[in-house]
């Protein structure tokens, strides 16, 4: 147990060792303060994130709960049981779910430091959620535990996404749903982690060198996935119904009119191979 959070990891976060992750989380806890203050501290002690991208990432973290409302809207109102959010990061979807129709919410992430910040977000909002430090590829839950499992912006950070799909099929209740959203490898927009054009269109072995050449930045532990890959993993895991479509775009306060227009006309399923974001809804 780490400050009330069970640590059941089998694999470390790909960016940092388990020991260093625990130390970083402890520093955030010692500093205390607001959720926004913790974000400032985190980015100040994470110099490997390019300074030019920090405002973008921080803005997204601060708006994560509002952005997650669009995700929950995609799922409709029929699911009311416990929700499991994989790769919950700073708890944006947890906060949105806990504030709406879900009676129980569980957040899981392989990064202890992000769970510390999720604690702060939930505490400030007066919301409750169970937090667990563990790997999405090795879920510490019995079969058929959750009517709804979500994984937003997670699959691109996993070495073996097939394990994620198999585990989500296992823990999803009969008649339950696994919802995944991620940036599309073959999007016509820049790769959002590094803001470089054309990364996903290159073979995997050339993506890192291209990003270093174009921006001087490292590109590691990230591999955007295509619509074909996602659908294949879902079917291999045994989900009987799989629906692939462009995912909605949401960024409160930024280009809202443009995003609203896209969400009205750009959601045709035939555009999924080149859409900026993809969503996969798998029914168990």
Protein backbone atom coordinates (compact mmCIF):
# COMPACT_ATOMS: atom_id res chain seq x y z
CA UNK A 1 0.00 0.00 0.00
CA UNK A 2 1.34 3.42 -0.98
CA UNK A 3 -0.51 6.24 0.76
CA UNK A 4 -3.77 4.34 0.54
CA UNK A 5 -3.22 3.11 -3.03
CA UNK A 6 -2.58 -0.63 -3.57
CA UNK A 7 0.46 -1.23 -5.77
CA UNK A 8 -0.03 -4.49 -7.68
CA UNK A 9 2.19 -3.79 -10.69
CA UNK A 10 3.92 -6.61 -12.49
CA UNK A 11 5.53 -4.33 -15.07
CA UNK A 12 6.91 -0.82 -14.50
CA UNK A 13 5.62 2.24 -16.29
CA UNK A 14 7.58 2.25 -19.60
CA UNK A 15 8.94 5.73 -18.91
CA UNK A 16 10.26 5.28 -15.37
CA UNK A 17 11.26 2.58 -12.89
CA UNK A 18 8.88 1.56 -10.11
CA UNK A 19 11.27 2.97 -7.48
CA UNK A 20 11.62 6.32 -9.23
CA UNK A 21 7.87 6.49 -9.80
CA UNK A 22 7.26 5.97 -6.09
CA UNK A 23 9.75 8.70 -5.22
CA UNK A 24 8.13 11.11 -7.64
CA UNK A 25 4.69 10.36 -6.22
CA UNK A 26 5.99 10.88 -2.69
CA UNK A 27 7.35 14.33 -3.65
CA UNK A 28 3.97 15.30 -5.02
CA UNK A 29 2.27 14.12 -1.83
CA UNK A 30 4.75 15.97 0.38
CA UNK A 31 4.16 19.20 -1.54
CA UNK A 32 0.40 18.80 -1.23
CA UNK A 33 -1.66 21.72 -2.40
CA UNK A 34 -4.13 21.95 -5.26
CA UNK A 35 -4.44 19.70 -8.27
CA UNK A 36 -3.21 22.52 -10.52
CA UNK A 37 -0.24 23.07 -8.20
CA UNK A 38 0.65 19.38 -8.39
CA UNK A 39 0.59 19.57 -12.18
CA UNK A 40 3.00 22.52 -12.07
CA UNK A 41 5.34 20.61 -9.77
CA UNK A 42 5.16 17.44 -11.87
CA UNK A 43 6.12 19.19 -15.09
CA UNK A 44 8.85 21.18 -13.34
CA UNK A 45 10.53 17.94 -12.25
CA UNK A 46 10.00 16.15 -15.58
CA UNK A 47 12.49 17.91 -17.88
CA UNK A 48 12.29 15.19 -20.53
CA UNK A 49 8.94 16.65 -21.62
CA UNK A 50 9.75 19.45 -24.11
CA UNK A 51 8.99 22.87 -22.64
CA UNK A 52 7.06 23.82 -25.76
CA UNK A 53 4.58 20.98 -25.20
CA UNK A 54 4.06 21.47 -21.45
CA UNK A 55 1.31 24.15 -21.80
CA UNK A 56 -0.59 21.88 -24.21
CA UNK A 57 -0.34 18.85 -21.93
CA UNK A 58 -1.20 20.80 -18.80
CA UNK A 59 -4.20 22.43 -20.46
CA UNK A 60 -5.44 18.98 -21.45
CA UNK A 61 -4.97 17.66 -17.89
CA UNK A 62 -6.90 20.59 -16.41
CA UNK A 63 -9.76 20.11 -18.88
CA UNK A 64 -9.76 16.29 -18.67
CA UNK A 65 -13.03 16.01 -16.72
CA UNK A 66 -14.87 18.23 -19.20
CA UNK A 67 -13.37 16.34 -22.14
CA UNK A 68 -14.42 13.03 -20.55
CA UNK A 69 -18.04 14.11 -20.61
CA UNK A 70 -17.95 13.70 -24.40
CA UNK A 71 -16.62 10.18 -23.92
CA UNK A 72 -19.42 9.27 -21.52
CA UNK A 73 -21.95 10.77 -23.93
CA UNK A 74 -20.75 8.29 -26.58
CA UNK A 75 -21.68 5.46 -24.25
CA UNK A 76 -25.29 6.55 -23.81
CA UNK A 77 -27.27 6.20 -20.63
CA UNK A 78 -27.88 2.46 -20.51
CA UNK A 79 -24.77 1.53 -18.51
CA UNK A 80 -25.20 2.28 -14.82
CA UNK A 81 -23.10 -0.31 -13.01
CA UNK A 82 -19.51 -0.04 -11.77
CA UNK A 83 -17.03 1.49 -14.23
CA UNK A 84 -13.37 0.54 -14.61
CA UNK A 85 -11.15 3.15 -16.27
CA UNK A 86 -7.78 1.83 -17.44
CA UNK A 87 -4.88 4.24 -17.79
CA UNK A 88 -6.86 6.76 -15.76
CA UNK A 89 -3.95 9.25 -15.57
CA UNK A 90 -5.07 12.29 -13.54
CA UNK A 91 -8.62 11.04 -13.09
CA UNK A 92 -10.56 13.18 -15.55
CA UNK A 93 -12.89 10.39 -16.66
CA UNK A 94 -13.18 9.15 -13.08
CA UNK A 95 -14.37 12.57 -11.94
CA UNK A 96 -16.87 12.86 -14.79
CA UNK A 97 -18.22 9.35 -14.14
CA UNK A 98 -18.40 9.77 -10.36
CA UNK A 99 -20.32 13.01 -10.82
CA UNK A 100 -22.90 11.40 -13.11
CA UNK A 101 -24.75 8.11 -13.17
CA UNK A 102 -22.15 5.60 -12.00
CA UNK A 103 -22.56 4.29 -8.44
CA UNK A 104 -18.98 2.97 -8.25
CA UNK A 105 -15.88 4.04 -10.15
CA UNK A 106 -12.46 2.35 -10.23
CA UNK A 107 -9.35 3.93 -11.76
CA UNK A 108 -6.26 1.92 -12.65
CA UNK A 109 -2.88 3.17 -13.87
CA UNK A 110 0.67 1.82 -13.98
CA UNK A 111 1.98 5.24 -12.88
CA UNK A 112 1.71 5.86 -9.14
CA UNK A 113 2.58 9.54 -9.61
CA UNK A 114 -0.50 10.10 -11.76
CA UNK A 115 -2.73 8.36 -9.25
CA UNK A 116 -1.50 10.82 -6.60
CA UNK A 117 -2.70 13.64 -8.84
CA UNK A 118 -5.99 11.82 -9.47
CA UNK A 119 -6.46 11.70 -5.68
CA UNK A 120 -6.02 15.47 -5.53
CA UNK A 121 -8.51 16.08 -8.37
CA UNK A 122 -11.16 13.87 -6.78
CA UNK A 123 -10.61 15.37 -3.34
CA UNK A 124 -11.03 18.93 -4.66
CA UNK A 125 -14.23 17.94 -6.47
CA UNK A 126 -15.64 16.12 -3.42
CA UNK A 127 -15.92 12.87 -5.39
CA UNK A 128 -15.15 9.25 -4.56
CA UNK A 129 -13.32 6.64 -6.66
CA UNK A 130 -11.17 3.63 -5.91
CA UNK A 131 -7.60 3.94 -7.22
CA UNK A 132 -5.29 1.06 -8.00
CA UNK A 133 -1.71 0.97 -9.29
CA UNK A 134 -1.54 -2.01 -11.64
CA UNK A 135 -1.04 -3.03 -15.27
CA UNK A 136 -3.89 -3.04 -17.76
CA UNK A 137 -2.34 -6.16 -19.31
CA UNK A 138 -2.68 -8.05 -15.98
CA UNK A 139 -5.88 -6.93 -14.27
CA UNK A 140 -6.28 -7.96 -10.61
CA UNK A 141 -10.04 -8.56 -10.89
CA UNK A 142 -12.17 -11.69 -11.29
CA UNK A 143 -13.98 -12.40 -14.53
CA UNK A 144 -17.17 -10.53 -15.42
CA UNK A 145 -16.59 -7.81 -12.80
CA UNK A 146 -17.57 -4.62 -14.67
CA UNK A 147 -20.48 -3.65 -16.93
CA UNK A 148 -18.26 -0.94 -18.44
CA UNK A 149 -14.49 -0.84 -19.03
CA UNK A 150 -12.86 2.21 -20.62
CA UNK A 151 -9.35 2.79 -21.95
CA UNK A 152 -8.72 6.28 -23.35
CA UNK A 153 -5.28 7.14 -24.76
CA UNK A 154 -3.74 3.97 -23.35
CA UNK A 155 -3.27 1.41 -26.13
CA UNK A 156 -0.51 3.41 -27.85
CA UNK A 157 1.69 3.05 -24.75
CA UNK A 158 1.46 -0.74 -24.44
CA UNK A 159 4.03 -3.13 -25.84
CA UNK A 160 1.43 -5.87 -26.42
CA UNK A 161 -2.09 -4.46 -26.92
CA UNK A 162 -3.48 -7.96 -27.47
CA UNK A 163 -3.10 -8.55 -23.71
CA UNK A 164 -5.21 -5.46 -22.98
CA UNK A 165 -8.04 -6.67 -25.20
CA UNK A 166 -7.96 -10.18 -23.74
CA UNK A 167 -8.09 -8.86 -20.18
CA UNK A 168 -10.90 -6.44 -20.95
CA UNK A 169 -12.94 -9.24 -22.49
CA UNK A 170 -12.32 -11.30 -19.35
CA UNK A 171 -13.36 -8.67 -16.79
CA UNK A 172 -16.27 -7.22 -18.79
CA UNK A 173 -19.62 -8.51 -17.53
CA UNK A 174 -21.91 -10.49 -19.78
CA UNK A 175 -23.63 -7.93 -21.97
CA UNK A 176 -21.05 -5.35 -20.85
CA UNK A 177 -19.05 -2.89 -22.90
CA UNK A 178 -15.37 -2.19 -23.48
CA UNK A 179 -14.80 1.30 -24.89
CA UNK A 180 -11.42 2.38 -26.26
CA UNK A 181 -10.38 5.71 -27.77
CA UNK A 182 -6.99 6.65 -29.15
CA UNK A 183 -5.23 8.85 -31.68
CA UNK A 184 -5.13 7.30 -35.14
CA UNK A 185 -1.81 6.21 -36.60
CA UNK A 186 -2.90 7.30 -40.09
CA UNK A 187 -4.41 10.64 -39.15
CA UNK A 188 -3.73 13.52 -41.54
CA UNK A 189 -2.89 15.75 -38.54
CA UNK A 190 0.46 15.96 -36.69
CA UNK A 191 1.28 13.26 -34.16
CA UNK A 192 -0.13 14.85 -30.97
CA UNK A 193 2.55 13.65 -28.55
CA UNK A 194 5.33 15.45 -30.45
CA UNK A 195 3.46 17.73 -32.88
CA UNK A 196 5.27 16.29 -35.93
CA UNK A 197 3.59 15.50 -39.26
CA UNK A 198 3.63 12.10 -40.93
CA UNK A 199 4.97 9.97 -38.06
CA UNK A 200 2.39 7.19 -38.29
CA UNK A 201 2.74 6.81 -42.04
CA UNK A 202 6.31 5.63 -41.64
CA UNK A 203 7.41 2.08 -40.68
CA UNK A 204 7.82 1.76 -36.91
CA UNK A 205 11.62 1.54 -37.15
CA UNK A 206 11.78 4.95 -38.87
CA UNK A 207 9.36 6.86 -36.64
CA UNK A 208 11.88 7.68 -33.90
CA UNK A 209 14.60 8.88 -36.31
CA UNK A 210 12.07 11.03 -38.18
CA UNK A 211 10.83 12.70 -34.99
CA UNK A 212 14.43 13.40 -33.89
CA UNK A 213 15.24 14.85 -37.31
CA UNK A 214 12.09 16.98 -37.47
CA UNK A 215 11.96 18.22 -33.88
CA UNK A 216 15.07 17.10 -31.98
CA UNK A 217 12.84 15.18 -29.56
CA UNK A 218 12.88 11.55 -28.49
CA UNK A 219 9.99 9.36 -29.57
CA UNK A 220 9.86 6.24 -27.43
CA UNK A 221 7.26 4.04 -25.78
CA UNK A 222 4.62 5.39 -28.16
CA UNK A 223 3.19 3.57 -31.15
CA UNK A 224 -0.06 4.86 -32.55
CA UNK A 225 -2.41 2.15 -33.77
CA UNK A 226 -4.53 1.88 -36.90
CA UNK A 227 -8.23 1.12 -37.24
CA UNK A 228 -7.39 -2.27 -38.73
CA UNK A 229 -5.14 -3.23 -35.81
CA UNK A 230 -7.72 -2.24 -33.20
CA UNK A 231 -10.51 -4.19 -34.90
CA UNK A 232 -8.28 -7.25 -35.28
CA UNK A 233 -7.30 -7.30 -31.59
CA UNK A 234 -10.92 -6.92 -30.51
CA UNK A 235 -12.07 -9.83 -32.66
CA UNK A 236 -9.14 -12.01 -31.63
CA UNK A 237 -10.06 -11.39 -27.97
CA UNK A 238 -13.50 -12.81 -28.76
CA UNK A 239 -15.78 -9.79 -28.53
CA UNK A 240 -18.91 -10.79 -30.48
CA UNK A 241 -19.82 -7.22 -31.51
CA UNK A 242 -17.24 -4.61 -32.49
CA UNK A 243 -18.06 -1.08 -33.70
CA UNK A 244 -15.26 1.14 -35.01
CA UNK A 245 -15.83 4.83 -35.76
CA UNK A 246 -14.13 8.23 -35.64
CA UNK A 247 -14.07 9.48 -32.05
CA UNK A 248 -15.41 12.91 -31.12
CA UNK A 249 -12.93 15.71 -30.64
CA UNK A 250 -13.18 17.84 -27.51
CA UNK A 251 -10.94 20.61 -26.26
CA UNK A 252 -12.81 23.14 -24.09
CA UNK A 253 -11.73 26.70 -24.79
CA UNK A 254 -9.77 25.84 -27.95
CA UNK A 255 -11.17 25.87 -31.49
CA UNK A 256 -14.61 24.94 -30.17
CA UNK A 257 -16.51 25.99 -33.31
CA UNK A 258 -14.19 24.00 -35.55
CA UNK A 259 -14.44 20.92 -33.33
CA UNK A 260 -18.22 21.21 -33.14
CA UNK A 261 -18.38 21.31 -36.94
CA UNK A 262 -16.14 18.26 -37.20
CA UNK A 263 -18.21 16.33 -34.68
CA UNK A 264 -21.31 17.03 -36.78
CA UNK A 265 -19.98 16.07 -40.21
CA UNK A 266 -16.81 14.08 -39.63
CA UNK A 267 -18.17 11.08 -37.76
CA UNK A 268 -18.98 8.94 -40.80
CA UNK A 269 -17.55 5.48 -40.17
CA UNK A 270 -16.01 5.39 -43.61
CA UNK A 271 -13.59 8.11 -42.50
CA UNK A 272 -12.21 6.01 -39.64
CA UNK A 273 -8.99 4.96 -41.43
CA UNK A 274 -7.80 8.61 -41.58
CA UNK A 275 -9.78 10.25 -38.75
CA UNK A 276 -7.75 12.14 -36.11
CA UNK A 277 -9.09 9.88 -33.35
CA UNK A 278 -10.68 6.45 -33.27
CA UNK A 279 -13.15 4.84 -30.93
CA UNK A 280 -13.85 1.16 -30.58
CA UNK A 281 -16.98 -0.05 -28.80
CA UNK A 282 -16.89 -3.77 -28.01
CA UNK A 283 -19.97 -5.52 -26.64
CA UNK A 284 -19.42 -8.67 -24.60
